[in-house]
Amino acid sequence: MNKASSSDANGQENERESRFSSMQQPELEALAVSAILEHRRLIAADEAVYEEWTRASGDPSVSGAVLKSLQDEYVARQNKSEAQQEVLSEIIDALGYIPEVAPDCEE
């Protein structure tokens, strides 16, 4: 059975891996660096929303609607970060290593 043509979740994952696996190493490395930088940006933004949400949670003058909005924003950001992290993992798997990216590197 050809796993890449399977319609289950593993088959879909294998199709993505195959797509990345067909890329040349320099192209994959550039894609990995870009995905790492994007992941760092998402994490920083998630942390800012989380800090605002926790700060607002401790302020009795903040309405329940505002707290709910901040919570919903945080959960949505977490879902986006999780999806992006899965793609990053697939890229790194295809590349075979994690490229070095300076902590303060900007695209």
C-alpha atoms as a PDB file:
ATOM      1  CA  MET A   1       0.000   0.000   0.000  1.00  0.00           C
ATOM      2  CA  ASN A   2       1.343   3.431  -0.926  1.00  0.00           C
ATOM      3  CA  LYS A   3       1.172   5.537   2.246  1.00  0.00           C
ATOM      4  CA  ALA A   4       1.346   8.823   0.344  1.00  0.00           C
ATOM      5  CA  SER A   5      -1.906   8.031  -1.454  1.00  0.00           C
ATOM      6  CA  SER A   6      -3.727   6.977   1.706  1.00  0.00           C
ATOM      7  CA  SER A   7      -6.608   9.234   2.663  1.00  0.00           C
ATOM      8  CA  ASP A   8      -6.152   8.892   6.423  1.00  0.00           C
ATOM      9  CA  ALA A   9      -4.320  11.417   8.612  1.00  0.00           C
ATOM     10  CA  ASN A  10      -1.011   9.585   8.223  1.00  0.00           C
ATOM     11  CA  GLY A  11      -1.367   9.649   4.454  1.00  0.00           C
ATOM     12  CA  GLN A  12      -1.945  13.408   4.500  1.00  0.00           C
ATOM     13  CA  GLU A  13       1.141  13.874   6.673  1.00  0.00           C
ATOM     14  CA  ASN A  14       3.207  11.725   4.302  1.00  0.00           C
ATOM     15  CA  GLU A  15       2.051  13.810   1.342  1.00  0.00           C
ATOM     16  CA  ARG A  16       3.339  16.960   3.056  1.00  0.00           C
ATOM     17  CA  GLU A  17       6.623  15.282   3.957  1.00  0.00           C
ATOM     18  CA  SER A  18       7.024  14.110   0.375  1.00  0.00           C
ATOM     19  CA  ARG A  19       6.440  17.648  -0.883  1.00  0.00           C
ATOM     20  CA  PHE A  20       9.149  19.035   1.404  1.00  0.00           C
ATOM     21  CA  SER A  21      11.443  16.061   0.777  1.00  0.00           C
ATOM     22  CA  SER A  22      11.524  16.844  -2.931  1.00  0.00           C
ATOM     23  CA  MET A  23      12.986  20.308  -2.283  1.00  0.00           C
ATOM     24  CA  GLN A  24      16.711  21.021  -2.581  1.00  0.00           C
ATOM     25  CA  GLN A  25      18.664  21.418   0.674  1.00  0.00           C
ATOM     26  CA  PRO A  26      19.414  25.166   0.282  1.00  0.00           C
ATOM     27  CA  GLU A  27      15.749  25.859  -0.438  1.00  0.00           C
ATOM     28  CA  LEU A  28      14.650  23.693   2.498  1.00  0.00           C
ATOM     29  CA  GLU A  29      17.137  25.397   4.809  1.00  0.00           C
ATOM     30  CA  ALA A  30      15.885  28.861   3.802  1.00  0.00           C
ATOM     31  CA  LEU A  31      12.311  27.683   4.341  1.00  0.00           C
ATOM     32  CA  ALA A  32      13.248  26.259   7.763  1.00  0.00           C
ATOM     33  CA  VAL A  33      14.954  29.507   8.827  1.00  0.00           C
ATOM     34  CA  SER A  34      11.918  31.491   7.720  1.00  0.00           C
ATOM     35  CA  ALA A  35       9.571  29.137   9.598  1.00  0.00           C
ATOM     36  CA  ILE A  36      11.737  29.348  12.752  1.00  0.00           C
ATOM     37  CA  LEU A  37      11.646  33.150  12.643  1.00  0.00           C
ATOM     38  CA  GLU A  38       7.870  33.107  12.117  1.00  0.00           C
ATOM     39  CA  HIS A  39       7.508  30.706  15.032  1.00  0.00           C
ATOM     40  CA  ARG A  40       9.500  33.057  17.265  1.00  0.00           C
ATOM     41  CA  ARG A  41       7.288  35.991  16.236  1.00  0.00           C
ATOM     42  CA  LEU A  42       4.126  34.008  16.960  1.00  0.00           C
ATOM     43  CA  ILE A  43       5.403  32.970  20.381  1.00  0.00           C
ATOM     44  CA  ALA A  44       6.286  36.578  21.284  1.00  0.00           C
ATOM     45  CA  ALA A  45       2.845  37.789  20.200  1.00  0.00           C
ATOM     46  CA  ASP A  46       1.155  34.926  22.089  1.00  0.00           C
ATOM     47  CA  GLU A  47       3.062  35.847  25.236  1.00  0.00           C
ATOM     48  CA  ALA A  48       2.003  39.498  24.945  1.00  0.00           C
ATOM     49  CA  VAL A  49      -1.671  38.523  24.655  1.00  0.00           C
ATOM     50  CA  TYR A  50      -1.335  36.067  27.540  1.00  0.00           C
ATOM     51  CA  GLU A  51       0.289  38.717  29.750  1.00  0.00           C
ATOM     52  CA  GLU A  52      -2.492  41.186  28.920  1.00  0.00           C
ATOM     53  CA  TRP A  53      -5.124  38.545  29.639  1.00  0.00           C
ATOM     54  CA  THR A  54      -3.591  37.622  33.017  1.00  0.00           C
ATOM     55  CA  ARG A  55      -3.112  41.298  33.922  1.00  0.00           C
ATOM     56  CA  ALA A  56      -6.749  42.036  33.034  1.00  0.00           C
ATOM     57  CA  SER A  57      -7.909  38.985  34.997  1.00  0.00           C
ATOM     58  CA  GLY A  58      -6.523  40.567  38.143  1.00  0.00           C
ATOM     59  CA  ASP A  59      -8.201  43.920  37.511  1.00  0.00           C
ATOM     60  CA  PRO A  60     -11.764  44.030  38.861  1.00  0.00           C
ATOM     61  CA  SER A  61     -12.593  47.012  36.633  1.00  0.00           C
ATOM     62  CA  VAL A  62     -12.150  44.925  33.459  1.00  0.00           C
ATOM     63  CA  SER A  63     -15.448  43.575  32.160  1.00  0.00           C
ATOM     64  CA  GLY A  64     -16.162  39.916  31.604  1.00  0.00           C
ATOM     65  CA  ALA A  65     -16.622  40.598  27.896  1.00  0.00           C
ATOM     66  CA  VAL A  66     -13.090  42.027  27.630  1.00  0.00           C
ATOM     67  CA  LEU A  67     -11.664  39.049  29.529  1.00  0.00           C
ATOM     68  CA  LYS A  68     -13.551  36.646  27.258  1.00  0.00           C
ATOM     69  CA  SER A  69     -12.245  38.490  24.199  1.00  0.00           C
ATOM     70  CA  LEU A  70      -8.649  38.261  25.448  1.00  0.00           C
ATOM     71  CA  GLN A  71      -9.091  34.596  26.264  1.00  0.00           C
ATOM     72  CA  ASP A  72     -10.554  33.877  22.822  1.00  0.00           C
ATOM     73  CA  GLU A  73      -7.679  35.772  21.167  1.00  0.00           C
ATOM     74  CA  TYR A  74      -5.126  33.780  23.158  1.00  0.00           C
ATOM     75  CA  VAL A  75      -6.748  30.444  22.285  1.00  0.00           C
ATOM     76  CA  ALA A  76      -6.920  31.388  18.588  1.00  0.00           C
ATOM     77  CA  ARG A  77      -3.247  32.378  18.644  1.00  0.00           C
ATOM     78  CA  GLN A  78      -2.321  29.091  20.329  1.00  0.00           C
ATOM     79  CA  ASN A  79      -4.133  27.154  17.596  1.00  0.00           C
ATOM     80  CA  LYS A  80      -2.317  29.127  14.894  1.00  0.00           C
ATOM     81  CA  SER A  81       1.027  28.569  16.617  1.00  0.00           C
ATOM     82  CA  GLU A  82       0.348  24.848  16.909  1.00  0.00           C
ATOM     83  CA  ALA A  83      -0.432  24.547  13.198  1.00  0.00           C
ATOM     84  CA  GLN A  84       2.670  26.556  12.278  1.00  0.00           C
ATOM     85  CA  GLN A  85       4.804  24.405  14.591  1.00  0.00           C
ATOM     86  CA  GLU A  86       3.572  21.254  12.831  1.00  0.00           C
ATOM     87  CA  VAL A  87       4.644  22.675   9.469  1.00  0.00           C
ATOM     88  CA  LEU A  88       8.009  23.696  10.923  1.00  0.00           C
ATOM     89  CA  SER A  89       8.484  20.174  12.275  1.00  0.00           C
ATOM     90  CA  GLU A  90       7.746  18.685   8.843  1.00  0.00           C
ATOM     91  CA  ILE A  91      10.249  21.038   7.195  1.00  0.00           C
ATOM     92  CA  ILE A  92      12.944  20.166   9.738  1.00  0.00           C
ATOM     93  CA  ASP A  93      12.210  16.454   9.324  1.00  0.00           C
ATOM     94  CA  ALA A  94      12.693  16.779   5.566  1.00  0.00           C
ATOM     95  CA  LEU A  95      15.871  18.845   6.039  1.00  0.00           C
ATOM     96  CA  GLY A  96      17.299  16.402   8.561  1.00  0.00           C
ATOM     97  CA  TYR A  97      18.643  18.991  10.987  1.00  0.00           C
ATOM     98  CA  ILE A  98      17.756  22.270  12.672  1.00  0.00           C
ATOM     99  CA  PRO A  99      19.575  25.154  10.996  1.00  0.00           C
ATOM    100  CA  GLU A 100      21.280  27.697  13.203  1.00  0.00           C
ATOM    101  CA  VAL A 101      19.370  30.958  13.503  1.00  0.00           C
ATOM    102  CA  ALA A 102      20.769  33.820  15.556  1.00  0.00           C
ATOM    103  CA  PRO A 103      18.526  34.823  18.480  1.00  0.00           C
ATOM    104  CA  ASP A 104      18.138  38.367  17.126  1.00  0.00           C
ATOM    105  CA  CYS A 105      18.082  37.404  13.433  1.00  0.00           C
ATOM    106  CA  GLU A 106      15.611  39.361  11.313  1.00  0.00           C
ATOM    107  CA  GLU A 107      14.465  38.445   7.819  1.00  0.00           C
END
